[in-house]
Amino acid sequence: PLVWEKLSNEQYIKDPSNKSFIFSVTNNEKFPIKDGSDAIKYQSPWGQIFGGGNGWDMSIPDRNNTTTGIFNFPASYNNGKYSNGSESYRVFSGSNSGYNAKVEEWEVFKLSFR
């Protein structure tokens, strides 16, 4: 439901509908956003950022092939099954910590419901 754009002051793009979510193909799980005020943003050099509040759920750096991402999952996107910590990092990123995780592939889709 959102248009991805780089805002000059690096503010979050809000999702007033609270319909944004992250889906893990590996785990076949949907993680809906809990508060649409921190849906997405772009911030150099961290790149695309999903979630906010007490840490980002996920950042995908501009040069992901040479830089690692940050996964502080779950923060804004949460299905209630996980709490922030090493277990959730392993499930979501394959890493035991929220840092230094490589993103091998990611896709962003806009779903339209009629």
PDB file of N, CA and C in Angstrom:
ATOM      1  N   PRO A   1       0.795  -1.208   0.000  1.00  0.00           N
ATOM      2  CA  PRO A   1       0.000   0.000   0.000  1.00  0.00           C
ATOM      3  C   PRO A   1       0.837   1.272   0.000  1.00  0.00           C
ATOM      4  N   LEU A   2       2.167   1.154  -0.082  1.00  0.00           N
ATOM      5  CA  LEU A   2       3.026   2.322   0.023  1.00  0.00           C
ATOM      6  C   LEU A   2       3.860   2.524  -1.227  1.00  0.00           C
ATOM      7  N   VAL A   3       4.233   3.773  -1.466  1.00  0.00           N
ATOM      8  CA  VAL A   3       5.160   4.108  -2.534  1.00  0.00           C
ATOM      9  C   VAL A   3       6.516   4.308  -1.892  1.00  0.00           C
ATOM     10  N   TRP A   4       7.522   3.587  -2.403  1.00  0.00           N
ATOM     11  CA  TRP A   4       8.861   3.696  -1.838  1.00  0.00           C
ATOM     12  C   TRP A   4       9.501   4.957  -2.393  1.00  0.00           C
ATOM     13  N   GLU A   5       9.879   5.865  -1.523  1.00  0.00           N
ATOM     14  CA  GLU A   5      10.527   7.086  -1.967  1.00  0.00           C
ATOM     15  C   GLU A   5      11.560   7.505  -0.937  1.00  0.00           C
ATOM     16  N   LYS A   6      12.571   8.200  -1.416  1.00  0.00           N
ATOM     17  CA  LYS A   6      13.616   8.697  -0.532  1.00  0.00           C
ATOM     18  C   LYS A   6      13.214  10.095  -0.092  1.00  0.00           C
ATOM     19  N   LEU A   7      12.894  10.245   1.177  1.00  0.00           N
ATOM     20  CA  LEU A   7      12.507  11.540   1.705  1.00  0.00           C
ATOM     21  C   LEU A   7      13.749  12.285   2.171  1.00  0.00           C
ATOM     22  N   SER A   8      13.738  13.577   2.021  1.00  0.00           N
ATOM     23  CA  SER A   8      14.940  14.371   2.289  1.00  0.00           C
ATOM     24  C   SER A   8      15.426  14.258   3.728  1.00  0.00           C
ATOM     25  N   ASN A   9      14.554  14.168   4.680  1.00  0.00           N
ATOM     26  CA  ASN A   9      14.982  14.108   6.077  1.00  0.00           C
ATOM     27  C   ASN A   9      14.949  12.687   6.641  1.00  0.00           C
ATOM     28  N   GLU A  10      14.931  11.708   5.754  1.00  0.00           N
ATOM     29  CA  GLU A  10      14.985  10.298   6.143  1.00  0.00           C
ATOM     30  C   GLU A  10      13.870   9.883   7.092  1.00  0.00           C
ATOM     31  N   GLN A  11      12.723  10.503   6.941  1.00  0.00           N
ATOM     32  CA  GLN A  11      11.596  10.128   7.805  1.00  0.00           C
ATOM     33  C   GLN A  11      10.920   8.871   7.284  1.00  0.00           C
ATOM     34  N   TYR A  12      10.159   8.229   8.157  1.00  0.00           N
ATOM     35  CA  TYR A  12       9.444   7.012   7.791  1.00  0.00           C
ATOM     36  C   TYR A  12       8.271   7.315   6.878  1.00  0.00           C
ATOM     37  N   ILE A  13       8.000   6.381   6.003  1.00  0.00           N
ATOM     38  CA  ILE A  13       6.782   6.416   5.208  1.00  0.00           C
ATOM     39  C   ILE A  13       5.759   5.617   5.995  1.00  0.00           C
ATOM     40  N   LYS A  14       4.667   6.244   6.297  1.00  0.00           N
ATOM     41  CA  LYS A  14       3.657   5.645   7.163  1.00  0.00           C
ATOM     42  C   LYS A  14       2.687   4.782   6.362  1.00  0.00           C
ATOM     43  N   ASP A  15       2.152   3.781   7.010  1.00  0.00           N
ATOM     44  CA  ASP A  15       1.108   2.949   6.437  1.00  0.00           C
ATOM     45  C   ASP A  15      -0.124   3.060   7.333  1.00  0.00           C
ATOM     46  N   PRO A  16      -0.995   4.030   7.051  1.00  0.00           N
ATOM     47  CA  PRO A  16      -2.173   4.207   7.910  1.00  0.00           C
ATOM     48  C   PRO A  16      -3.131   3.023   7.881  1.00  0.00           C
ATOM     49  N   SER A  17      -3.035   2.185   6.863  1.00  0.00           N
ATOM     50  CA  SER A  17      -3.923   1.025   6.777  1.00  0.00           C
ATOM     51  C   SER A  17      -3.441  -0.140   7.647  1.00  0.00           C
ATOM     52  N   ASN A  18      -2.179  -0.093   8.083  1.00  0.00           N
ATOM     53  CA  ASN A  18      -1.566  -1.199   8.840  1.00  0.00           C
ATOM     54  C   ASN A  18      -1.667  -2.534   8.097  1.00  0.00           C
ATOM     55  N   LYS A  19      -1.572  -2.493   6.771  1.00  0.00           N
ATOM     56  CA  LYS A  19      -1.653  -3.723   5.981  1.00  0.00           C
ATOM     57  C   LYS A  19      -0.289  -4.198   5.491  1.00  0.00           C
ATOM     58  N   SER A  20       0.780  -3.446   5.747  1.00  0.00           N
ATOM     59  CA  SER A  20       2.117  -3.872   5.318  1.00  0.00           C
ATOM     60  C   SER A  20       2.543  -5.105   6.097  1.00  0.00           C
ATOM     61  N   PHE A  21       3.344  -5.943   5.465  1.00  0.00           N
ATOM     62  CA  PHE A  21       3.849  -7.135   6.149  1.00  0.00           C
ATOM     63  C   PHE A  21       5.141  -7.584   5.491  1.00  0.00           C
ATOM     64  N   ILE A  22       5.902  -8.378   6.207  1.00  0.00           N
ATOM     65  CA  ILE A  22       7.077  -9.058   5.684  1.00  0.00           C
ATOM     66  C   ILE A  22       6.727 -10.536   5.657  1.00  0.00           C
ATOM     67  N   PHE A  23       7.061 -11.195   4.563  1.00  0.00           N
ATOM     68  CA  PHE A  23       6.769 -12.621   4.438  1.00  0.00           C
ATOM     69  C   PHE A  23       8.081 -13.379   4.281  1.00  0.00           C
ATOM     70  N   SER A  24       8.270 -14.400   5.080  1.00  0.00           N
ATOM     71  CA  SER A  24       9.436 -15.261   4.978  1.00  0.00           C
ATOM     72  C   SER A  24       9.072 -16.484   4.146  1.00  0.00           C
ATOM     73  N   VAL A  25       9.659 -16.574   2.954  1.00  0.00           N
ATOM     74  CA  VAL A  25       9.422 -17.738   2.105  1.00  0.00           C
ATOM     75  C   VAL A  25      10.041 -18.973   2.739  1.00  0.00           C
ATOM     76  N   THR A  26      11.225 -18.810   3.325  1.00  0.00           N
ATOM     77  CA  THR A  26      11.920 -19.931   3.964  1.00  0.00           C
ATOM     78  C   THR A  26      11.077 -20.557   5.057  1.00  0.00           C
ATOM     79  N   ASN A  27      10.437 -19.725   5.879  1.00  0.00           N
ATOM     80  CA  ASN A  27       9.657 -20.217   7.017  1.00  0.00           C
ATOM     81  C   ASN A  27       8.158 -20.252   6.749  1.00  0.00           C
ATOM     82  N   ASN A  28       7.741 -19.790   5.572  1.00  0.00           N
ATOM     83  CA  ASN A  28       6.335 -19.733   5.208  1.00  0.00           C
ATOM     84  C   ASN A  28       5.508 -19.037   6.295  1.00  0.00           C
ATOM     85  N   GLU A  29       5.997 -17.867   6.710  1.00  0.00           N
ATOM     86  CA  GLU A  29       5.321 -17.102   7.764  1.00  0.00           C
ATOM     87  C   GLU A  29       5.149 -15.648   7.362  1.00  0.00           C
ATOM     88  N   LYS A  30       4.025 -15.098   7.743  1.00  0.00           N
ATOM     89  CA  LYS A  30       3.717 -13.691   7.499  1.00  0.00           C
ATOM     90  C   LYS A  30       3.911 -12.927   8.803  1.00  0.00           C
ATOM     91  N   PHE A  31       4.551 -11.756   8.695  1.00  0.00           N
ATOM     92  CA  PHE A  31       4.803 -10.906   9.849  1.00  0.00           C
ATOM     93  C   PHE A  31       4.170  -9.548   9.590  1.00  0.00           C
ATOM     94  N   PRO A  32       2.949  -9.320  10.085  1.00  0.00           N
ATOM     95  CA  PRO A  32       2.255  -8.056   9.829  1.00  0.00           C
ATOM     96  C   PRO A  32       2.844  -6.911  10.655  1.00  0.00           C
ATOM     97  N   ILE A  33       2.670  -5.714  10.143  1.00  0.00           N
ATOM     98  CA  ILE A  33       3.138  -4.547  10.884  1.00  0.00           C
ATOM     99  C   ILE A  33       2.181  -4.280  12.038  1.00  0.00           C
ATOM    100  N   LYS A  34       2.745  -3.923  13.177  1.00  0.00           N
ATOM    101  CA  LYS A  34       1.920  -3.640  14.356  1.00  0.00           C
ATOM    102  C   LYS A  34       1.570  -2.164  14.455  1.00  0.00           C
ATOM    103  N   ASP A  35       2.481  -1.298  14.004  1.00  0.00           N
ATOM    104  CA  ASP A  35       2.258   0.144  14.053  1.00  0.00           C
ATOM    105  C   ASP A  35       2.703   0.720  12.720  1.00  0.00           C
ATOM    106  N   GLY A  36       1.778   1.175  11.918  1.00  0.00           N
ATOM    107  CA  GLY A  36       2.077   1.659  10.579  1.00  0.00           C
ATOM    108  C   GLY A  36       2.870   2.941  10.513  1.00  0.00           C
ATOM    109  N   SER A  37       3.152   3.562  11.654  1.00  0.00           N
ATOM    110  CA  SER A  37       3.910   4.819  11.616  1.00  0.00           C
ATOM    111  C   SER A  37       5.380   4.595  11.289  1.00  0.00           C
ATOM    112  N   ASP A  38       5.890   3.383  11.461  1.00  0.00           N
ATOM    113  CA  ASP A  38       7.290   3.066  11.172  1.00  0.00           C
ATOM    114  C   ASP A  38       7.391   1.976  10.110  1.00  0.00           C
ATOM    115  N   ALA A  39       6.657   2.110   9.025  1.00  0.00           N
ATOM    116  CA  ALA A  39       6.597   1.033   8.030  1.00  0.00           C
ATOM    117  C   ALA A  39       7.916   0.860   7.288  1.00  0.00           C
ATOM    118  N   ILE A  40       8.317   1.863   6.503  1.00  0.00           N
ATOM    119  CA  ILE A  40       9.542   1.759   5.699  1.00  0.00           C
ATOM    120  C   ILE A  40      10.219   3.115   5.607  1.00  0.00           C
ATOM    121  N   LYS A  41      11.510   3.096   5.290  1.00  0.00           N
ATOM    122  CA  LYS A  41      12.227   4.320   4.970  1.00  0.00           C
ATOM    123  C   LYS A  41      13.524   3.967   4.273  1.00  0.00           C
ATOM    124  N   TYR A  42      14.130   4.976   3.686  1.00  0.00           N
ATOM    125  CA  TYR A  42      15.450   4.830   3.091  1.00  0.00           C
ATOM    126  C   TYR A  42      16.396   5.728   3.865  1.00  0.00           C
ATOM    127  N   GLN A  43      17.532   5.185   4.273  1.00  0.00           N
ATOM    128  CA  GLN A  43      18.521   5.992   4.996  1.00  0.00           C
ATOM    129  C   GLN A  43      19.915   5.545   4.581  1.00  0.00           C
ATOM    130  N   SER A  44      20.648   6.444   3.956  1.00  0.00           N
ATOM    131  CA  SER A  44      22.012   6.130   3.548  1.00  0.00           C
ATOM    132  C   SER A  44      22.914   6.069   4.773  1.00  0.00           C
ATOM    133  N   PRO A  45      23.852   5.148   4.889  1.00  0.00           N
ATOM    134  CA  PRO A  45      24.199   4.071   3.971  1.00  0.00           C
ATOM    135  C   PRO A  45      23.455   2.771   4.256  1.00  0.00           C
ATOM    136  N   TRP A  46      22.473   2.818   5.135  1.00  0.00           N
ATOM    137  CA  TRP A  46      21.789   1.587   5.545  1.00  0.00           C
ATOM    138  C   TRP A  46      20.810   1.070   4.508  1.00  0.00           C
ATOM    139  N   GLY A  47      20.457   1.906   3.544  1.00  0.00           N
ATOM    140  CA  GLY A  47      19.581   1.458   2.464  1.00  0.00           C
ATOM    141  C   GLY A  47      18.137   1.360   2.871  1.00  0.00           C
ATOM    142  N   GLN A  48      17.485   0.323   2.381  1.00  0.00           N
ATOM    143  CA  GLN A  48      16.063   0.120   2.642  1.00  0.00           C
ATOM    144  C   GLN A  48      15.880  -0.406   4.054  1.00  0.00           C
ATOM    145  N   ILE A  49      14.982   0.236   4.781  1.00  0.00           N
ATOM    146  CA  ILE A  49      14.746  -0.126   6.177  1.00  0.00           C
ATOM    147  C   ILE A  49      13.272  -0.461   6.359  1.00  0.00           C
ATOM    148  N   PHE A  50      13.027  -1.588   7.000  1.00  0.00           N
ATOM    149  CA  PHE A  50      11.665  -2.012   7.324  1.00  0.00           C
ATOM    150  C   PHE A  50      11.516  -1.967   8.833  1.00  0.00           C
ATOM    151  N   GLY A  51      10.498  -1.256   9.317  1.00  0.00           N
ATOM    152  CA  GLY A  51      10.239  -1.199  10.752  1.00  0.00           C
ATOM    153  C   GLY A  51      11.081  -0.159  11.458  1.00  0.00           C
ATOM    154  N   GLY A  52      10.658   0.137  12.669  1.00  0.00           N
ATOM    155  CA  GLY A  52      11.364   1.145  13.457  1.00  0.00           C
ATOM    156  C   GLY A  52      11.036   0.981  14.916  1.00  0.00           C
ATOM    157  N   GLY A  53      10.956   2.109  15.581  1.00  0.00           N
ATOM    158  CA  GLY A  53      10.694   2.051  17.013  1.00  0.00           C
ATOM    159  C   GLY A  53      11.957   1.675  17.749  1.00  0.00           C
ATOM    160  N   ASN A  54      11.924   0.582  18.478  1.00  0.00           N
ATOM    161  CA  ASN A  54      13.083   0.123  19.248  1.00  0.00           C
ATOM    162  C   ASN A  54      13.979  -0.746  18.356  1.00  0.00           C
ATOM    163  N   GLY A  55      14.537  -0.158  17.338  1.00  0.00           N
ATOM    164  CA  GLY A  55      15.382  -0.883  16.389  1.00  0.00           C
ATOM    165  C   GLY A  55      14.635  -1.193  15.111  1.00  0.00           C
ATOM    166  N   TRP A  56      15.369  -1.412  14.056  1.00  0.00           N
ATOM    167  CA  TRP A  56      14.781  -1.757  12.767  1.00  0.00           C
ATOM    168  C   TRP A  56      14.564  -3.260  12.710  1.00  0.00           C
ATOM    169  N   ASP A  57      13.508  -3.676  12.049  1.00  0.00           N
ATOM    170  CA  ASP A  57      13.326  -5.104  11.810  1.00  0.00           C
ATOM    171  C   ASP A  57      14.381  -5.599  10.824  1.00  0.00           C
ATOM    172  N   MET A  58      14.619  -4.797   9.784  1.00  0.00           N
ATOM    173  CA  MET A  58      15.544  -5.246   8.749  1.00  0.00           C
ATOM    174  C   MET A  58      16.054  -4.044   7.969  1.00  0.00           C
ATOM    175  N   SER A  59      17.354  -4.028   7.697  1.00  0.00           N
ATOM    176  CA  SER A  59      17.907  -3.051   6.762  1.00  0.00           C
ATOM    177  C   SER A  59      18.687  -3.812   5.702  1.00  0.00           C
ATOM    178  N   ILE A  60      18.534  -3.357   4.476  1.00  0.00           N
ATOM    179  CA  ILE A  60      19.232  -3.970   3.358  1.00  0.00           C
ATOM    180  C   ILE A  60      20.115  -2.892   2.756  1.00  0.00           C
ATOM    181  N   PRO A  61      21.424  -2.967   2.978  1.00  0.00           N
ATOM    182  CA  PRO A  61      22.338  -1.902   2.565  1.00  0.00           C
ATOM    183  C   PRO A  61      22.349  -1.654   1.064  1.00  0.00           C
ATOM    184  N   ASP A  62      22.757  -0.432   0.712  1.00  0.00           N
ATOM    185  CA  ASP A  62      22.862  -0.053  -0.696  1.00  0.00           C
ATOM    186  C   ASP A  62      23.743  -1.017  -1.471  1.00  0.00           C
ATOM    187  N   ARG A  63      24.866  -1.391  -0.896  1.00  0.00           N
ATOM    188  CA  ARG A  63      25.792  -2.311  -1.565  1.00  0.00           C
ATOM    189  C   ARG A  63      25.809  -3.625  -0.783  1.00  0.00           C
ATOM    190  N   ASN A  64      24.726  -4.357  -0.865  1.00  0.00           N
ATOM    191  CA  ASN A  64      24.576  -5.565  -0.058  1.00  0.00           C
ATOM    192  C   ASN A  64      25.625  -6.628  -0.373  1.00  0.00           C
ATOM    193  N   ASN A  65      26.204  -6.569  -1.573  1.00  0.00           N
ATOM    194  CA  ASN A  65      27.219  -7.570  -1.895  1.00  0.00           C
ATOM    195  C   ASN A  65      28.518  -7.332  -1.126  1.00  0.00           C
ATOM    196  N   THR A  66      28.710  -6.130  -0.585  1.00  0.00           N
ATOM    197  CA  THR A  66      29.932  -5.850   0.172  1.00  0.00           C
ATOM    198  C   THR A  66      29.659  -5.450   1.617  1.00  0.00           C
ATOM    199  N   THR A  67      28.417  -5.223   1.950  1.00  0.00           N
ATOM    200  CA  THR A  67      28.040  -4.772   3.282  1.00  0.00           C
ATOM    201  C   THR A  67      26.963  -5.693   3.829  1.00  0.00           C
ATOM    202  N   THR A  68      26.971  -5.905   5.128  1.00  0.00           N
ATOM    203  CA  THR A  68      25.962  -6.781   5.718  1.00  0.00           C
ATOM    204  C   THR A  68      24.786  -5.975   6.245  1.00  0.00           C
ATOM    205  N   GLY A  69      23.654  -6.633   6.373  1.00  0.00           N
ATOM    206  CA  GLY A  69      22.451  -5.994   6.854  1.00  0.00           C
ATOM    207  C   GLY A  69      22.310  -6.103   8.360  1.00  0.00           C
ATOM    208  N   ILE A  70      21.309  -5.408   8.858  1.00  0.00           N
ATOM    209  CA  ILE A  70      20.988  -5.436  10.282  1.00  0.00           C
ATOM    210  C   ILE A  70      19.589  -6.026  10.427  1.00  0.00           C
ATOM    211  N   PHE A  71      19.451  -6.992  11.310  1.00  0.00           N
ATOM    212  CA  PHE A  71      18.163  -7.619  11.577  1.00  0.00           C
ATOM    213  C   PHE A  71      17.892  -7.543  13.070  1.00  0.00           C
ATOM    214  N   ASN A  72      16.966  -6.702  13.446  1.00  0.00           N
ATOM    215  CA  ASN A  72      16.585  -6.559  14.846  1.00  0.00           C
ATOM    216  C   ASN A  72      15.138  -7.030  14.972  1.00  0.00           C
ATOM    217  N   PHE A  73      14.925  -8.204  14.495  1.00  0.00           N
ATOM    218  CA  PHE A  73      13.586  -8.743  14.350  1.00  0.00           C
ATOM    219  C   PHE A  73      13.155  -9.494  15.608  1.00  0.00           C
ATOM    220  N   PRO A  74      11.935  -9.410  16.043  1.00  0.00           N
ATOM    221  CA  PRO A  74      10.864  -8.554  15.564  1.00  0.00           C
ATOM    222  C   PRO A  74      10.803  -7.238  16.335  1.00  0.00           C
ATOM    223  N   ALA A  75      10.497  -6.188  15.638  1.00  0.00           N
ATOM    224  CA  ALA A  75      10.291  -4.877  16.271  1.00  0.00           C
ATOM    225  C   ALA A  75       8.912  -4.371  15.850  1.00  0.00           C
ATOM    226  N   SER A  76       8.815  -3.811  14.663  1.00  0.00           N
ATOM    227  CA  SER A  76       7.524  -3.316  14.179  1.00  0.00           C
ATOM    228  C   SER A  76       6.701  -4.394  13.486  1.00  0.00           C
ATOM    229  N   TYR A  77       7.375  -5.333  12.851  1.00  0.00           N
ATOM    230  CA  TYR A  77       6.696  -6.426  12.147  1.00  0.00           C
ATOM    231  C   TYR A  77       6.781  -7.666  13.020  1.00  0.00           C
ATOM    232  N   ASN A  78       5.624  -8.189  13.438  1.00  0.00           N
ATOM    233  CA  ASN A  78       5.648  -9.308  14.373  1.00  0.00           C
ATOM    234  C   ASN A  78       4.342 -10.086  14.278  1.00  0.00           C
ATOM    235  N   ASN A  79       4.450 -11.401  14.221  1.00  0.00           N
ATOM    236  CA  ASN A  79       3.239 -12.224  14.215  1.00  0.00           C
ATOM    237  C   ASN A  79       2.932 -12.781  15.607  1.00  0.00           C
ATOM    238  N   GLY A  80       3.675 -12.323  16.624  1.00  0.00           N
ATOM    239  CA  GLY A  80       3.422 -12.747  17.992  1.00  0.00           C
ATOM    240  C   GLY A  80       4.083 -14.058  18.370  1.00  0.00           C
ATOM    241  N   LYS A  81       4.755 -14.698  17.434  1.00  0.00           N
ATOM    242  CA  LYS A  81       5.358 -15.999  17.684  1.00  0.00           C
ATOM    243  C   LYS A  81       6.776 -15.890  18.250  1.00  0.00           C
ATOM    244  N   TYR A  82       7.449 -14.767  18.003  1.00  0.00           N
ATOM    245  CA  TYR A  82       8.848 -14.611  18.397  1.00  0.00           C
ATOM    246  C   TYR A  82       9.038 -13.364  19.248  1.00  0.00           C
ATOM    247  N   SER A  83      10.050 -13.408  20.109  1.00  0.00           N
ATOM    248  CA  SER A  83      10.476 -12.203  20.813  1.00  0.00           C
ATOM    249  C   SER A  83      11.906 -11.917  20.379  1.00  0.00           C
ATOM    250  N   ASN A  84      12.301 -10.675  20.498  1.00  0.00           N
ATOM    251  CA  ASN A  84      13.615 -10.249  20.020  1.00  0.00           C
ATOM    252  C   ASN A  84      14.716 -11.000  20.737  1.00  0.00           C
ATOM    253  N   GLY A  85      15.628 -11.605  19.982  1.00  0.00           N
ATOM    254  CA  GLY A  85      16.742 -12.344  20.564  1.00  0.00           C
ATOM    255  C   GLY A  85      17.352 -13.305  19.572  1.00  0.00           C
ATOM    256  N   SER A  86      18.318 -14.088  20.022  1.00  0.00           N
ATOM    257  CA  SER A  86      19.079 -14.941  19.105  1.00  0.00           C
ATOM    258  C   SER A  86      18.205 -15.955  18.361  1.00  0.00           C
ATOM    259  N   GLU A  87      17.153 -16.479  19.008  1.00  0.00           N
ATOM    260  CA  GLU A  87      16.289 -17.436  18.304  1.00  0.00           C
ATOM    261  C   GLU A  87      15.587 -16.764  17.131  1.00  0.00           C
ATOM    262  N   SER A  88      15.051 -15.559  17.346  1.00  0.00           N
ATOM    263  CA  SER A  88      14.363 -14.875  16.254  1.00  0.00           C
ATOM    264  C   SER A  88      15.350 -14.458  15.168  1.00  0.00           C
ATOM    265  N   TYR A  89      16.576 -14.083  15.528  1.00  0.00           N
ATOM    266  CA  TYR A  89      17.581 -13.746  14.521  1.00  0.00           C
ATOM    267  C   TYR A  89      17.884 -14.959  13.642  1.00  0.00           C
ATOM    268  N   ARG A  90      18.059 -16.130  14.268  1.00  0.00           N
ATOM    269  CA  ARG A  90      18.350 -17.354  13.516  1.00  0.00           C
ATOM    270  C   ARG A  90      17.204 -17.702  12.566  1.00  0.00           C
ATOM    271  N   VAL A  91      15.986 -17.619  13.074  1.00  0.00           N
ATOM    272  CA  VAL A  91      14.820 -17.968  12.256  1.00  0.00           C
ATOM    273  C   VAL A  91      14.696 -17.017  11.078  1.00  0.00           C
ATOM    274  N   PHE A  92      14.887 -15.739  11.339  1.00  0.00           N
ATOM    275  CA  PHE A  92      14.620 -14.742  10.305  1.00  0.00           C
ATOM    276  C   PHE A  92      15.796 -14.495   9.373  1.00  0.00           C
ATOM    277  N   SER A  93      17.037 -14.531   9.892  1.00  0.00           N
ATOM    278  CA  SER A  93      18.185 -14.182   9.051  1.00  0.00           C
ATOM    279  C   SER A  93      19.227 -15.289   8.930  1.00  0.00           C
ATOM    280  N   GLY A  94      19.108 -16.338   9.729  1.00  0.00           N
ATOM    281  CA  GLY A  94      20.104 -17.394   9.694  1.00  0.00           C
ATOM    282  C   GLY A  94      21.348 -17.084  10.497  1.00  0.00           C
ATOM    283  N   SER A  95      21.363 -15.935  11.164  1.00  0.00           N
ATOM    284  CA  SER A  95      22.521 -15.498  11.951  1.00  0.00           C
ATOM    285  C   SER A  95      22.163 -15.536  13.428  1.00  0.00           C
ATOM    286  N   ASN A  96      23.148 -15.774  14.287  1.00  0.00           N
ATOM    287  CA  ASN A  96      22.893 -15.789  15.731  1.00  0.00           C
ATOM    288  C   ASN A  96      22.811 -14.394  16.325  1.00  0.00           C
ATOM    289  N   SER A  97      23.194 -13.390  15.561  1.00  0.00           N
ATOM    290  CA  SER A  97      23.073 -12.020  16.052  1.00  0.00           C
ATOM    291  C   SER A  97      22.298 -11.223  15.019  1.00  0.00           C
ATOM    292  N   GLY A  98      21.873 -10.056  15.385  1.00  0.00           N
ATOM    293  CA  GLY A  98      21.115  -9.214  14.468  1.00  0.00           C
ATOM    294  C   GLY A  98      21.988  -8.463  13.483  1.00  0.00           C
ATOM    295  N   TYR A  99      23.284  -8.672  13.559  1.00  0.00           N
ATOM    296  CA  TYR A  99      24.205  -7.946  12.696  1.00  0.00           C
ATOM    297  C   TYR A  99      24.965  -8.923  11.810  1.00  0.00           C
ATOM    298  N   ASN A 100      25.572  -8.398  10.785  1.00  0.00           N
ATOM    299  CA  ASN A 100      26.439  -9.171   9.893  1.00  0.00           C
ATOM    300  C   ASN A 100      25.723 -10.317   9.198  1.00  0.00           C
ATOM    301  N   ALA A 101      24.491 -10.112   8.839  1.00  0.00           N
ATOM    302  CA  ALA A 101      23.749 -11.121   8.088  1.00  0.00           C
ATOM    303  C   ALA A 101      23.674 -10.667   6.633  1.00  0.00           C
ATOM    304  N   LYS A 102      23.999 -11.553   5.744  1.00  0.00           N
ATOM    305  CA  LYS A 102      23.953 -11.247   4.312  1.00  0.00           C
ATOM    306  C   LYS A 102      22.565 -11.554   3.759  1.00  0.00           C
ATOM    307  N   VAL A 103      22.054 -10.656   2.964  1.00  0.00           N
ATOM    308  CA  VAL A 103      20.793 -10.873   2.281  1.00  0.00           C
ATOM    309  C   VAL A 103      21.137 -11.423   0.905  1.00  0.00           C
ATOM    310  N   GLU A 104      20.741 -12.654   0.641  1.00  0.00           N
ATOM    311  CA  GLU A 104      21.055 -13.267  -0.642  1.00  0.00           C
ATOM    312  C   GLU A 104      20.048 -12.872  -1.709  1.00  0.00           C
ATOM    313  N   GLU A 105      18.799 -12.743  -1.324  1.00  0.00           N
ATOM    314  CA  GLU A 105      17.772 -12.391  -2.291  1.00  0.00           C
ATOM    315  C   GLU A 105      16.602 -11.750  -1.554  1.00  0.00           C
ATOM    316  N   TRP A 106      16.074 -10.704  -2.142  1.00  0.00           N
ATOM    317  CA  TRP A 106      14.883 -10.092  -1.568  1.00  0.00           C
ATOM    318  C   TRP A 106      14.046  -9.505  -2.684  1.00  0.00           C
ATOM    319  N   GLU A 107      12.748  -9.486  -2.464  1.00  0.00           N
ATOM    320  CA  GLU A 107      11.809  -8.959  -3.439  1.00  0.00           C
ATOM    321  C   GLU A 107      10.766  -8.143  -2.702  1.00  0.00           C
ATOM    322  N   VAL A 108      10.313  -7.092  -3.344  1.00  0.00           N
ATOM    323  CA  VAL A 108       9.261  -6.251  -2.786  1.00  0.00           C
ATOM    324  C   VAL A 108       8.099  -6.273  -3.768  1.00  0.00           C
ATOM    325  N   PHE A 109       6.925  -6.558  -3.279  1.00  0.00           N
ATOM    326  CA  PHE A 109       5.732  -6.615  -4.102  1.00  0.00           C
ATOM    327  C   PHE A 109       4.681  -5.656  -3.571  1.00  0.00           C
ATOM    328  N   LYS A 110       3.853  -5.178  -4.458  1.00  0.00           N
ATOM    329  CA  LYS A 110       2.664  -4.437  -4.052  1.00  0.00           C
ATOM    330  C   LYS A 110       1.467  -5.329  -4.397  1.00  0.00           C
ATOM    331  N   LEU A 111       0.691  -5.649  -3.388  1.00  0.00           N
ATOM    332  CA  LEU A 111      -0.486  -6.473  -3.584  1.00  0.00           C
ATOM    333  C   LEU A 111      -1.708  -5.578  -3.637  1.00  0.00           C
ATOM    334  N   SER A 112      -2.552  -5.823  -4.608  1.00  0.00           N
ATOM    335  CA  SER A 112      -3.797  -5.068  -4.729  1.00  0.00           C
ATOM    336  C   SER A 112      -4.964  -6.019  -4.514  1.00  0.00           C
ATOM    337  N   PHE A 113      -5.849  -5.653  -3.618  1.00  0.00           N
ATOM    338  CA  PHE A 113      -7.020  -6.463  -3.331  1.00  0.00           C
ATOM    339  C   PHE A 113      -8.253  -5.755  -3.865  1.00  0.00           C
ATOM    340  N   ARG A 114      -9.123  -6.509  -4.476  1.00  0.00           N
ATOM    341  CA  ARG A 114     -10.350  -5.903  -5.023  1.00  0.00           C
ATOM    342  C   ARG A 114     -11.563  -6.420  -4.309  1.00  0.00           C
TER     343      ARG A 114
END
